[in-house]
Amino acid sequence: MTDRLPAPVRRVTDMFRSFTPGQKAVTIAAVIALIVGAYFFATWASKPSYSILFNNLSSKDASAIVESLKKTGTSYELANEGQTILVPQDQVNDLRLSLSGEGLPGDAGTGYALLDQQGITTSDFMQQTNYQRALEGELSNTIKSIDGVEAATVHLVIPKKDVFADEQDKPTASVLVASSATQPLSGDQVQSIVHLVASSVEGLDPTEITVAGADGKILSTGGGAAIGTGGDSGADSQTVAFQNRMNQSIQSMLDSVVGPGNSSVVTTATLDFDQTQTTSKTYNADPSVPALSEQNQREAYNGANNCAGGVLGPDNIAGPGCSTGSGGPGQYENSSNVKQNAVNEVNEVRKNAPGGIKKLSVAVLLNSATAGTIQPAQVQQLVTAAAGIDTTRGDTIAVSAMPFDQSAAQAAQAALSASSAAAVEAKQMSMYKTAGLAGLVLVLLFLAWRFSRKSKKRRGLTPEERKHLEDMQAALEAQRLAELNQAIPAQMLEAGMAMDDSNVQAREERQREIEQMVKDQPDEMAVLLRGWLAADVTR
């Protein structure tokens, strides 16, 4: 049956038959592993790469798009809790065009699509309401495109303008955002949301926007409060950051004086987060500048002692006249000067930003065991200058030297040393295991090589097999000669002696070739001989 197989297949089959049971098991396992690996590689290579078709979809749009993809038989994947749809990368553009023709995605309940539904009979109130709803929907879609924002809802309060009112109410806004539980929004992202909404609504101030998370935490409060994330208010987070920076700067200075671990600094700061505004008006007059207008007025009177006397009334009462003692001339003079000078008016408005220091308290503790020669007064002077202590503001500073409790540090050092020793020991054990495994592999390779050599030696032709091979070869030659003699005409039998000599030479030549083949390829000749023997036995 095996004689009908091609020569390469027959050679592989014969070689497999010559293997030991262990070699056959290893060969079969290797072939199975190659087949399984090829299957998984072909599956991975044939799988298309997926790309985002649409992101941040509403439940209504996602359901409609999935239904359309199922009808066309397009493979897809869902991500981000069903808000993102992935399709094969080479079909993204075609699918977007086809779905746009179907009006998908197109949630008509949000965005400026609301304005398309208005008719000519829509009232002014409905137009204003629809515009506000459309603006809220567009802002929600814009905020959802920010990395890390999974959902967003915007509410706007836009007061109606009154032409007869001197002061108009300011618009306000509130934003509710939902982010990933493992990736909360940063302060910069929250501030970008605030300014994005403020820039999109006319007259909206960033301080009138409140941003809250889906977990109920305030991310940004209105009224100009600072932004804080992670559940802390902005004032607390800025105060803690200021105290940490102050502690770090003073600690680095003290480490240079008393050494690392021999000092401790605690700073308590009270910051002023009130935003104040001061308005002042100043008038300046320059004497060198000519007056805008000037008015001079003068009155003068000069008269002699000429008095007129007389009698008034029927009772002969003397009227006013010159007294006997007033004997001199009368004079009167009055002058006035009015100037209108140019006056410079300066209006100055100062707005103090929040975050100023109200009060600062610094406490420094030195290790007396290592800082015995250091004067606490010098340390206090250095810290006062570094921290900017102002006694008029109520700032306080305290420097003390006490012995430190080193038990925790010693225990930590011992634990660190033990951990380092354990790490070194584990590394050495890993190296020993690796070296032992490498040695085991080398030993197995050496044993396999020795076993292969012994197998080759065992597979060599024995003297009996060699004699049987020569006998069979001689029989084959004799059979060929007999067939040849039968085919030769009778008139050529006379030249038999010459032919016998040539046949003898050919047989000797063939025998030498067989011996050389046995020397060069003992394994193949042994397999061939065993096959012949097996064929003789079956016969």
Protein backbone atom coordinates (compact mmCIF):
# COMPACT_ATOMS: atom_id res chain seq x y z
CA MET A 1 0.00 0.00 0.00
CA THR A 2 2.84 2.38 0.83
CA ASP A 3 4.52 1.68 -2.54
CA ARG A 4 1.78 3.70 -4.26
CA LEU A 5 2.54 6.85 -2.26
CA PRO A 6 4.87 9.51 -3.65
CA ALA A 7 8.52 9.26 -2.73
CA PRO A 8 8.58 12.27 -0.31
CA VAL A 9 5.49 11.00 1.53
CA ARG A 10 6.89 7.47 1.68
CA ARG A 11 10.17 8.81 3.03
CA VAL A 12 8.39 10.79 5.77
CA THR A 13 6.28 7.76 6.66
CA ASP A 14 9.29 5.50 6.92
CA MET A 15 11.10 8.05 9.03
CA PHE A 16 8.11 8.35 11.41
CA ARG A 17 7.97 4.57 11.74
CA SER A 18 11.62 4.50 12.76
CA PHE A 19 10.95 6.90 15.70
CA THR A 20 10.73 5.69 19.28
CA PRO A 21 7.36 6.01 21.10
CA GLY A 22 8.57 9.13 22.92
CA GLN A 23 9.69 10.77 19.69
CA LYS A 24 6.37 9.89 18.05
CA ALA A 25 4.45 11.52 20.94
CA VAL A 26 6.57 14.66 20.77
CA THR A 27 6.13 14.85 16.99
CA ILE A 28 2.35 14.43 17.20
CA ALA A 29 2.11 17.11 19.94
CA ALA A 30 4.21 19.53 17.88
CA VAL A 31 2.05 18.98 14.79
CA ILE A 32 -1.16 19.54 16.81
CA ALA A 33 0.30 22.73 18.35
CA LEU A 34 1.22 24.02 14.90
CA ILE A 35 -2.27 23.31 13.57
CA VAL A 36 -3.98 25.03 16.52
CA GLY A 37 -1.64 28.03 16.30
CA ALA A 38 -2.22 28.32 12.58
CA TYR A 39 -5.99 28.22 13.15
CA PHE A 40 -5.93 31.01 15.73
CA PHE A 41 -3.54 33.08 13.62
CA ALA A 42 -5.78 32.70 10.58
CA THR A 43 -8.83 33.66 12.68
CA TRP A 44 -7.05 36.74 14.05
CA ALA A 45 -5.74 37.75 10.62
CA SER A 46 -9.16 37.38 9.00
CA LYS A 47 -10.94 39.42 11.71
CA PRO A 48 -11.49 43.00 10.49
CA SER A 49 -10.29 45.98 12.50
CA TYR A 50 -13.17 47.95 14.00
CA SER A 51 -13.46 51.73 14.14
CA ILE A 52 -15.96 54.12 15.76
CA LEU A 53 -19.03 54.77 13.66
CA PHE A 54 -20.86 57.05 16.12
CA ASN A 55 -20.10 58.03 19.70
CA ASN A 56 -22.14 59.41 22.63
CA LEU A 57 -25.43 58.25 21.16
CA SER A 58 -28.75 58.41 22.90
CA SER A 59 -30.62 55.17 23.53
CA LYS A 60 -33.12 56.00 20.78
CA ASP A 61 -30.47 56.65 18.12
CA ALA A 62 -28.34 53.66 19.16
CA SER A 63 -31.33 51.32 18.89
CA ALA A 64 -32.28 52.64 15.44
CA ILE A 65 -28.70 52.37 14.12
CA VAL A 66 -28.28 48.81 15.41
CA GLU A 67 -31.57 47.81 13.80
CA SER A 68 -30.42 49.28 10.47
CA LEU A 69 -27.07 47.46 10.67
CA LYS A 70 -28.85 44.17 11.38
CA LYS A 71 -31.04 44.60 8.31
CA THR A 72 -28.00 45.12 6.07
CA GLY A 73 -26.07 42.25 7.72
CA THR A 74 -23.19 44.49 8.79
CA SER A 75 -21.08 43.24 11.68
CA TYR A 76 -20.81 45.65 14.60
CA GLU A 77 -19.72 45.92 18.22
CA LEU A 78 -21.08 48.00 21.11
CA ALA A 79 -18.92 49.86 23.63
CA ASN A 80 -19.28 52.48 26.36
CA GLU A 81 -22.49 50.91 27.66
CA GLY A 82 -24.13 51.01 24.25
CA GLN A 83 -23.34 54.67 23.52
CA THR A 84 -20.58 53.83 21.02
CA ILE A 85 -21.00 51.67 17.91
CA LEU A 86 -17.97 50.10 16.20
CA VAL A 87 -17.99 48.77 12.63
CA PRO A 88 -15.26 47.47 10.25
CA GLN A 89 -12.87 50.27 9.45
CA ASP A 90 -13.25 49.99 5.66
CA GLN A 91 -17.03 50.49 5.95
CA VAL A 92 -17.16 53.55 8.21
CA ASN A 93 -17.57 56.20 5.52
CA ASP A 94 -20.13 54.23 3.49
CA LEU A 95 -22.22 53.45 6.57
CA ARG A 96 -22.20 57.06 7.72
CA LEU A 97 -23.47 58.23 4.35
CA SER A 98 -26.17 55.57 4.16
CA LEU A 99 -27.33 56.18 7.75
CA SER A 100 -27.39 59.93 7.17
CA GLY A 101 -29.76 59.27 4.26
CA GLU A 102 -32.02 57.50 6.74
CA GLY A 103 -31.83 60.43 9.16
CA LEU A 104 -29.61 58.65 11.69
CA PRO A 105 -28.43 59.69 14.13
CA GLY A 106 -31.10 62.35 14.41
CA ASP A 107 -32.74 62.70 17.79
CA ALA A 108 -35.20 65.44 16.94
CA GLY A 109 -35.82 66.23 20.57
CA THR A 110 -32.56 68.11 21.16
CA GLY A 111 -30.38 70.74 19.55
CA TYR A 112 -31.22 73.18 16.81
CA ALA A 113 -33.39 70.52 15.17
CA LEU A 114 -36.20 71.85 17.38
CA LEU A 115 -36.24 75.07 15.38
CA ASP A 116 -37.05 73.16 12.21
CA GLN A 117 -40.42 72.19 13.66
CA GLN A 118 -41.65 75.76 14.12
CA GLY A 119 -44.42 77.07 11.96
CA ILE A 120 -45.59 80.52 11.02
CA THR A 121 -48.27 80.39 13.70
CA THR A 122 -45.82 79.74 16.56
CA SER A 123 -46.15 82.31 19.31
CA ASP A 124 -43.30 84.46 20.51
CA PHE A 125 -43.26 82.61 23.83
CA MET A 126 -42.90 79.24 22.09
CA GLN A 127 -40.16 80.58 19.85
CA GLN A 128 -38.19 81.81 22.86
CA THR A 129 -38.76 78.54 24.71
CA ASN A 130 -37.72 76.40 21.73
CA TYR A 131 -34.61 78.52 21.23
CA GLN A 132 -33.62 78.02 24.86
CA ARG A 133 -34.23 74.27 24.64
CA ALA A 134 -32.22 74.09 21.41
CA LEU A 135 -29.34 76.01 23.00
CA GLU A 136 -29.37 73.67 26.01
CA GLY A 137 -29.31 70.62 23.72
CA GLU A 138 -26.42 71.94 21.63
CA LEU A 139 -24.40 72.76 24.75
CA SER A 140 -25.08 69.26 26.13
CA ASN A 141 -23.83 67.65 22.91
CA THR A 142 -20.75 69.87 22.88
CA ILE A 143 -19.87 69.08 26.50
CA LYS A 144 -20.29 65.34 25.86
CA SER A 145 -17.58 65.53 23.20
CA ILE A 146 -15.00 66.39 25.92
CA ASP A 147 -12.80 63.45 26.80
CA GLY A 148 -14.02 61.82 30.01
CA VAL A 149 -17.59 63.17 29.88
CA GLU A 150 -20.13 60.41 29.32
CA ALA A 151 -23.33 62.45 29.71
CA ALA A 152 -24.22 66.11 30.24
CA THR A 153 -27.35 68.15 30.92
CA VAL A 154 -27.49 71.94 30.73
CA HIS A 155 -30.21 74.18 32.22
CA LEU A 156 -30.30 77.88 31.33
CA VAL A 157 -32.20 80.68 33.02
CA ILE A 158 -32.41 83.58 30.55
CA PRO A 159 -34.48 86.51 31.91
CA LYS A 160 -36.75 88.33 29.52
CA LYS A 161 -35.44 91.73 28.51
CA ASP A 162 -37.47 94.74 29.63
CA VAL A 163 -36.85 97.99 27.76
CA PHE A 164 -38.36 100.08 30.58
CA ALA A 165 -36.16 98.64 33.36
CA ASP A 166 -32.90 100.31 34.36
CA GLU A 167 -31.30 97.08 35.61
CA GLN A 168 -31.64 93.73 33.88
CA ASP A 169 -31.42 90.38 35.62
CA LYS A 170 -28.35 88.36 34.67
CA PRO A 171 -28.69 84.90 33.09
CA THR A 172 -27.52 81.86 35.05
CA ALA A 173 -26.74 78.26 34.14
CA SER A 174 -26.31 74.87 35.77
CA VAL A 175 -24.52 71.90 34.26
CA LEU A 176 -24.79 68.27 35.38
CA VAL A 177 -22.01 66.03 34.04
CA ALA A 178 -21.40 62.30 34.40
CA SER A 179 -17.85 61.01 34.10
CA SER A 180 -16.19 57.63 34.38
CA ALA A 181 -15.82 56.29 37.91
CA THR A 182 -12.16 55.48 37.26
CA GLN A 183 -11.36 58.80 35.54
CA PRO A 184 -12.95 61.83 37.27
CA LEU A 185 -12.86 65.22 35.62
CA SER A 186 -9.86 67.41 36.36
CA GLY A 187 -10.03 71.05 37.41
CA ASP A 188 -8.99 72.21 33.94
CA GLN A 189 -11.79 70.22 32.32
CA VAL A 190 -14.39 71.66 34.71
CA GLN A 191 -13.15 75.16 34.04
CA SER A 192 -13.30 74.56 30.29
CA ILE A 193 -16.96 73.55 30.68
CA VAL A 194 -17.67 76.74 32.66
CA HIS A 195 -16.11 79.05 30.10
CA LEU A 196 -17.58 77.10 27.20
CA VAL A 197 -21.11 77.65 28.51
CA ALA A 198 -20.39 81.28 29.42
CA SER A 199 -19.13 82.06 25.93
CA SER A 200 -22.16 80.45 24.29
CA VAL A 201 -24.86 82.46 26.09
CA GLU A 202 -25.13 86.21 25.68
CA GLY A 203 -24.52 88.13 28.91
CA LEU A 204 -23.69 85.02 30.96
CA ASP A 205 -20.84 85.51 33.43
CA PRO A 206 -18.62 82.52 34.34
CA THR A 207 -19.27 83.22 38.02
CA GLU A 208 -22.98 82.52 37.47
CA ILE A 209 -22.45 78.91 36.34
CA THR A 210 -22.70 75.90 38.65
CA VAL A 211 -21.22 72.56 37.61
CA ALA A 212 -22.15 69.40 39.52
CA GLY A 213 -21.22 65.76 39.07
CA ALA A 214 -23.63 62.88 38.70
CA ASP A 215 -22.58 61.71 42.19
CA GLY A 216 -23.87 64.96 43.71
CA LYS A 217 -20.49 66.60 44.28
CA ILE A 218 -20.11 70.27 43.42
CA LEU A 219 -17.35 70.77 40.87
CA SER A 220 -17.77 74.52 40.43
CA THR A 221 -20.03 76.88 42.38
CA GLY A 222 -21.47 80.16 41.19
CA GLY A 223 -20.65 83.54 42.69
CA GLY A 224 -16.99 83.39 41.72
CA ALA A 225 -15.99 80.51 44.01
CA ALA A 226 -12.88 78.63 43.04
CA ILE A 227 -13.11 75.30 41.32
CA GLY A 228 -12.55 72.17 43.36
CA THR A 229 -12.86 68.52 42.44
CA GLY A 230 -13.02 65.27 44.34
CA GLY A 231 -15.63 66.54 46.80
CA ASP A 232 -13.44 69.32 48.28
CA SER A 233 -14.36 72.97 47.99
CA GLY A 234 -12.04 75.26 46.09
CA ALA A 235 -11.07 77.22 49.21
CA ASP A 236 -10.02 74.09 51.10
CA SER A 237 -8.04 72.67 48.18
CA GLN A 238 -6.18 75.94 47.60
CA THR A 239 -5.43 76.31 51.30
CA VAL A 240 -4.03 72.78 51.51
CA ALA A 241 -1.95 73.33 48.37
CA PHE A 242 -0.52 76.58 49.81
CA GLN A 243 0.34 74.89 53.13
CA ASN A 244 2.04 71.99 51.35
CA ARG A 245 4.17 74.35 49.23
CA MET A 246 5.14 76.32 52.33
CA ASN A 247 6.01 73.18 54.29
CA GLN A 248 8.09 71.81 51.41
CA SER A 249 10.11 75.01 50.94
CA ILE A 250 10.86 75.42 54.68
CA GLN A 251 11.61 71.70 55.11
CA SER A 252 14.13 71.72 52.25
CA MET A 253 15.92 74.65 53.90
CA LEU A 254 16.03 72.95 57.31
CA ASP A 255 17.28 69.68 55.77
CA SER A 256 20.35 71.58 54.60
CA VAL A 257 20.96 72.79 58.16
CA VAL A 258 20.16 69.84 60.45
CA GLY A 259 20.04 67.02 57.91
CA PRO A 260 17.10 65.05 56.52
CA GLY A 261 14.77 63.54 59.11
CA ASN A 262 15.93 65.81 61.94
CA SER A 263 13.27 68.50 61.62
CA SER A 264 9.55 68.84 61.16
CA VAL A 265 7.53 71.80 59.86
CA VAL A 266 3.79 72.43 60.21
CA THR A 267 2.20 75.47 58.57
CA THR A 268 -1.36 76.65 59.21
CA ALA A 269 -2.65 79.36 56.89
CA THR A 270 -5.88 81.30 56.80
CA LEU A 271 -6.52 82.64 53.33
CA ASP A 272 -8.89 85.41 52.37
CA PHE A 273 -11.21 84.31 49.57
CA ASP A 274 -13.38 87.44 49.68
CA GLN A 275 -13.30 89.37 46.43
CA THR A 276 -13.17 93.11 47.19
CA GLN A 277 -13.46 96.10 44.89
CA THR A 278 -12.30 99.66 45.71
CA THR A 279 -13.34 102.76 43.72
CA SER A 280 -11.52 106.07 44.25
CA LYS A 281 -11.82 109.50 42.54
CA THR A 282 -8.97 112.05 42.56
CA TYR A 283 -8.98 115.68 41.40
CA ASN A 284 -5.68 117.29 40.33
CA ALA A 285 -5.21 121.00 39.43
CA ASP A 286 -2.06 122.20 37.71
CA PRO A 287 -1.19 125.89 38.50
CA SER A 288 0.83 126.23 35.32
CA VAL A 289 -2.22 125.61 33.18
CA PRO A 290 -4.13 128.83 32.31
CA ALA A 291 -7.61 129.19 33.74
CA LEU A 292 -10.54 128.33 31.59
CA SER A 293 -12.34 131.57 32.51
CA GLU A 294 -11.66 134.55 34.86
CA GLN A 295 -13.99 137.30 36.16
CA ASN A 296 -12.86 140.39 38.14
CA GLN A 297 -15.30 142.83 39.88
CA ARG A 298 -14.37 146.07 41.77
CA GLU A 299 -16.51 148.69 43.57
CA ALA A 300 -15.09 152.02 44.91
CA TYR A 301 -16.64 155.18 46.54
CA ASN A 302 -14.94 158.46 47.49
CA GLY A 303 -16.97 161.52 48.81
CA ALA A 304 -16.33 164.96 50.70
CA ASN A 305 -17.97 166.13 54.05
CA ASN A 306 -21.04 167.79 52.56
CA CYS A 307 -23.99 167.11 54.74
CA ALA A 308 -27.49 168.28 54.18
CA GLY A 309 -29.73 169.00 57.16
CA GLY A 310 -33.43 169.61 57.52
CA VAL A 311 -36.62 169.17 59.51
CA LEU A 312 -38.82 166.20 59.00
CA GLY A 313 -42.43 166.19 59.81
CA PRO A 314 -44.64 168.68 61.54
CA ASP A 315 -42.92 168.22 64.87
CA ASN A 316 -39.70 169.88 63.70
CA ILE A 317 -37.64 166.67 64.24
CA ALA A 318 -34.19 166.98 62.91
CA GLY A 319 -33.42 164.49 60.14
CA PRO A 320 -30.20 162.49 59.55
CA GLY A 321 -27.32 164.56 58.67
CA CYS A 322 -23.70 165.02 59.34
CA SER A 323 -22.68 164.88 62.85
CA THR A 324 -20.54 167.53 64.25
CA GLY A 325 -17.73 165.06 64.83
CA SER A 326 -17.46 163.64 61.36
CA GLY A 327 -15.29 165.97 59.65
CA GLY A 328 -13.42 164.14 56.85
CA PRO A 329 -13.96 162.69 53.39
CA GLY A 330 -15.85 159.27 53.02
CA GLN A 331 -14.23 156.29 51.01
CA TYR A 332 -15.46 152.73 50.10
CA GLU A 333 -13.83 149.97 47.94
CA ASN A 334 -14.80 146.27 47.20
CA SER A 335 -13.16 143.87 44.67
CA SER A 336 -13.71 140.16 43.76
CA ASN A 337 -11.89 137.71 41.40
CA VAL A 338 -13.46 134.45 40.12
CA LYS A 339 -11.31 131.92 38.15
CA GLN A 340 -12.41 128.61 36.61
CA ASN A 341 -9.34 126.35 36.44
CA ALA A 342 -9.00 123.06 34.51
CA VAL A 343 -9.20 120.10 36.95
CA ASN A 344 -8.07 116.53 36.09
CA GLU A 345 -10.41 113.83 37.40
CA VAL A 346 -8.99 110.30 37.93
CA ASN A 347 -11.35 107.37 38.59
CA GLU A 348 -9.52 104.25 39.86
CA VAL A 349 -11.16 100.85 40.42
CA ARG A 350 -9.13 98.19 42.23
CA LYS A 351 -10.40 94.60 42.41
CA ASN A 352 -8.51 92.38 44.84
CA ALA A 353 -8.33 88.75 43.73
CA PRO A 354 -9.20 86.13 46.37
CA GLY A 355 -6.46 84.07 47.97
CA GLY A 356 -4.63 86.61 50.08
CA ILE A 357 -3.10 85.61 53.40
CA LYS A 358 -5.07 86.63 56.48
CA LYS A 359 -2.97 84.84 59.05
CA LEU A 360 0.00 82.47 59.01
CA SER A 361 1.28 80.23 61.78
CA VAL A 362 4.48 78.18 61.51
CA ALA A 363 5.75 75.58 63.98
CA VAL A 364 9.27 74.10 63.65
CA LEU A 365 10.49 71.14 65.68
CA LEU A 366 14.22 70.25 65.71
CA ASN A 367 15.87 67.06 66.89
CA SER A 368 17.92 68.01 69.93
CA ALA A 369 20.19 65.00 69.45
CA THR A 370 21.58 66.39 66.19
CA ALA A 371 20.82 70.12 66.50
CA GLY A 372 22.59 70.74 69.81
CA THR A 373 24.96 73.37 68.41
CA ILE A 374 22.27 75.21 66.44
CA GLN A 375 20.61 78.20 68.04
CA PRO A 376 16.80 78.12 67.81
CA ALA A 377 16.81 81.91 67.50
CA GLN A 378 18.78 81.70 64.26
CA VAL A 379 16.43 79.06 62.92
CA GLN A 380 13.46 81.23 63.88
CA GLN A 381 14.98 84.20 62.07
CA LEU A 382 15.55 82.13 58.91
CA VAL A 383 12.05 80.68 58.94
CA THR A 384 10.52 84.10 59.57
CA ALA A 385 12.23 85.49 56.50
CA ALA A 386 11.44 82.43 54.35
CA ALA A 387 7.74 82.26 55.28
CA GLY A 388 7.16 86.02 55.25
CA ILE A 389 5.91 86.25 58.83
CA ASP A 390 4.18 89.56 59.53
CA THR A 391 3.52 90.19 63.22
CA THR A 392 1.22 93.14 62.48
CA ARG A 393 -1.03 90.74 60.64
CA GLY A 394 -1.16 88.41 63.62
CA ASP A 395 1.30 85.78 62.29
CA THR A 396 3.05 83.54 64.81
CA ILE A 397 6.14 81.31 64.70
CA ALA A 398 7.48 78.81 67.22
CA VAL A 399 10.81 76.92 67.10
CA SER A 400 11.62 74.20 69.66
CA ALA A 401 14.30 71.53 70.04
CA MET A 402 13.26 68.16 71.46
CA PRO A 403 14.52 64.57 71.20
CA PHE A 404 12.83 62.67 68.38
CA ASP A 405 11.29 59.23 68.84
CA GLN A 406 13.35 57.05 66.49
CA SER A 407 11.55 53.76 67.19
CA ALA A 408 9.23 54.08 64.20
CA ALA A 409 12.10 55.14 61.93
CA GLN A 410 14.26 52.26 63.16
CA ALA A 411 11.42 49.79 62.66
CA ALA A 412 10.84 51.18 59.18
CA GLN A 413 14.56 50.93 58.42
CA ALA A 414 14.63 47.34 59.68
CA ALA A 415 11.60 46.50 57.59
CA LEU A 416 13.22 48.16 54.58
CA SER A 417 16.45 46.24 55.14
CA ALA A 418 14.52 42.99 55.49
CA SER A 419 12.56 43.77 52.36
CA SER A 420 15.76 44.57 50.46
CA ALA A 421 17.37 41.35 51.68
CA ALA A 422 14.28 39.38 50.72
CA ALA A 423 14.28 41.02 47.29
CA VAL A 424 17.96 40.17 46.79
CA GLU A 425 17.36 36.61 47.97
CA ALA A 426 14.35 36.27 45.68
CA LYS A 427 16.41 37.61 42.78
CA GLN A 428 19.19 35.14 43.54
CA MET A 429 16.69 32.28 43.78
CA SER A 430 15.23 33.35 40.46
CA MET A 431 18.70 33.35 38.94
CA TYR A 432 19.40 29.92 40.44
CA LYS A 433 16.13 28.58 39.08
CA THR A 434 16.87 30.01 35.67
CA ALA A 435 20.37 28.56 35.70
CA GLY A 436 19.04 25.17 36.85
CA LEU A 437 16.39 25.21 34.11
CA ALA A 438 19.00 26.12 31.52
CA GLY A 439 21.25 23.32 32.79
CA LEU A 440 18.36 20.87 32.66
CA VAL A 441 17.62 21.89 29.08
CA LEU A 442 21.29 21.43 28.15
CA VAL A 443 21.34 18.01 29.83
CA LEU A 444 18.20 16.97 27.96
CA LEU A 445 19.68 18.17 24.69
CA PHE A 446 22.89 16.25 25.38
CA LEU A 447 20.97 13.10 26.25
CA ALA A 448 18.87 13.47 23.11
CA TRP A 449 22.04 13.89 21.06
CA ARG A 450 23.58 10.79 22.64
CA PHE A 451 20.36 8.87 22.14
CA SER A 452 20.25 9.96 18.51
CA ARG A 453 23.80 8.77 17.93
CA LYS A 454 23.07 5.46 19.58
CA SER A 455 19.90 5.14 17.51
CA LYS A 456 21.87 5.80 14.36
CA LYS A 457 24.39 3.18 15.37
CA ARG A 458 21.61 0.75 16.19
CA ARG A 459 19.97 1.48 12.88
CA GLY A 460 23.17 0.49 11.01
CA LEU A 461 23.24 -2.72 8.91
CA THR A 462 24.20 -5.88 10.75
CA PRO A 463 26.42 -8.46 8.99
CA GLU A 464 23.45 -10.79 8.44
CA GLU A 465 21.44 -7.88 6.93
CA ARG A 466 24.38 -6.94 4.75
CA LYS A 467 24.80 -10.56 3.49
CA HIS A 468 21.06 -10.85 2.87
CA LEU A 469 21.18 -7.53 0.94
CA GLU A 470 24.06 -8.80 -1.20
CA ASP A 471 22.26 -12.11 -1.87
CA MET A 472 19.09 -10.31 -2.85
CA GLN A 473 21.03 -7.98 -5.07
CA ALA A 474 22.77 -10.93 -6.75
CA ALA A 475 19.41 -12.65 -7.24
CA LEU A 476 18.02 -9.50 -8.81
CA GLU A 477 21.02 -9.32 -11.13
CA ALA A 478 20.64 -12.98 -12.09
CA GLN A 479 16.95 -12.46 -12.82
CA ARG A 480 17.74 -9.46 -14.98
CA LEU A 481 20.41 -11.46 -16.88
CA ALA A 482 17.94 -14.29 -17.47
CA GLU A 483 15.40 -11.91 -18.85
CA LEU A 484 18.08 -10.35 -21.00
CA ASN A 485 19.24 -13.73 -22.32
CA GLN A 486 15.70 -14.65 -23.30
CA ALA A 487 15.41 -11.43 -25.27
CA ILE A 488 18.71 -11.90 -27.16
CA PRO A 489 18.39 -13.62 -30.58
CA ALA A 490 19.91 -17.07 -31.10
CA GLN A 491 22.56 -15.77 -33.46
CA MET A 492 24.01 -13.71 -30.62
CA LEU A 493 24.46 -16.61 -28.18
CA GLU A 494 27.84 -17.39 -29.73
CA ALA A 495 29.22 -14.27 -28.23
CA GLY A 496 28.12 -15.38 -24.73
CA MET A 497 31.60 -15.44 -23.25
CA ALA A 498 32.19 -11.81 -24.02
CA MET A 499 28.81 -10.96 -22.55
CA ASP A 500 29.53 -12.98 -19.43
CA ASP A 501 32.67 -10.98 -18.87
CA SER A 502 30.83 -7.70 -19.23
CA ASN A 503 28.04 -8.95 -16.89
CA VAL A 504 30.58 -9.85 -14.29
CA GLN A 505 32.12 -6.43 -14.47
CA ALA A 506 28.69 -4.75 -14.22
CA ARG A 507 27.76 -6.87 -11.22
CA GLU A 508 31.00 -5.99 -9.46
CA GLU A 509 30.41 -2.34 -10.23
CA ARG A 510 26.85 -2.54 -8.88
CA GLN A 511 28.08 -4.28 -5.74
CA ARG A 512 30.62 -1.52 -5.12
CA GLU A 513 27.88 1.07 -5.53
CA ILE A 514 25.68 -0.75 -3.00
CA GLU A 515 28.55 -0.93 -0.51
CA GLN A 516 29.21 2.77 -0.94
CA MET A 517 25.51 3.54 -0.40
CA VAL A 518 25.53 1.43 2.76
CA LYS A 519 28.50 3.44 4.04
CA ASP A 520 27.08 6.83 3.09
CA GLN A 521 23.43 6.28 3.99
CA PRO A 522 23.22 3.51 6.57
CA ASP A 523 19.89 4.71 7.99
CA GLU A 524 18.04 4.72 4.66
CA MET A 525 19.53 1.39 3.62
CA ALA A 526 18.54 -0.14 6.97
CA VAL A 527 14.98 1.08 6.54
CA LEU A 528 14.94 -0.27 2.96
CA LEU A 529 16.28 -3.62 4.06
CA ARG A 530 13.74 -3.92 6.88
CA GLY A 531 11.00 -3.15 4.39
CA TRP A 532 12.20 -5.91 2.12
CA LEU A 533 12.38 -8.33 5.03
CA ALA A 534 8.85 -7.41 6.08
CA ALA A 535 7.68 -7.97 2.51
CA ASP A 536 9.35 -11.43 2.43
CA VAL A 537 7.67 -12.35 5.71
CA THR A 538 4.22 -11.34 4.41
CA ARG A 539 4.78 -13.44 1.32
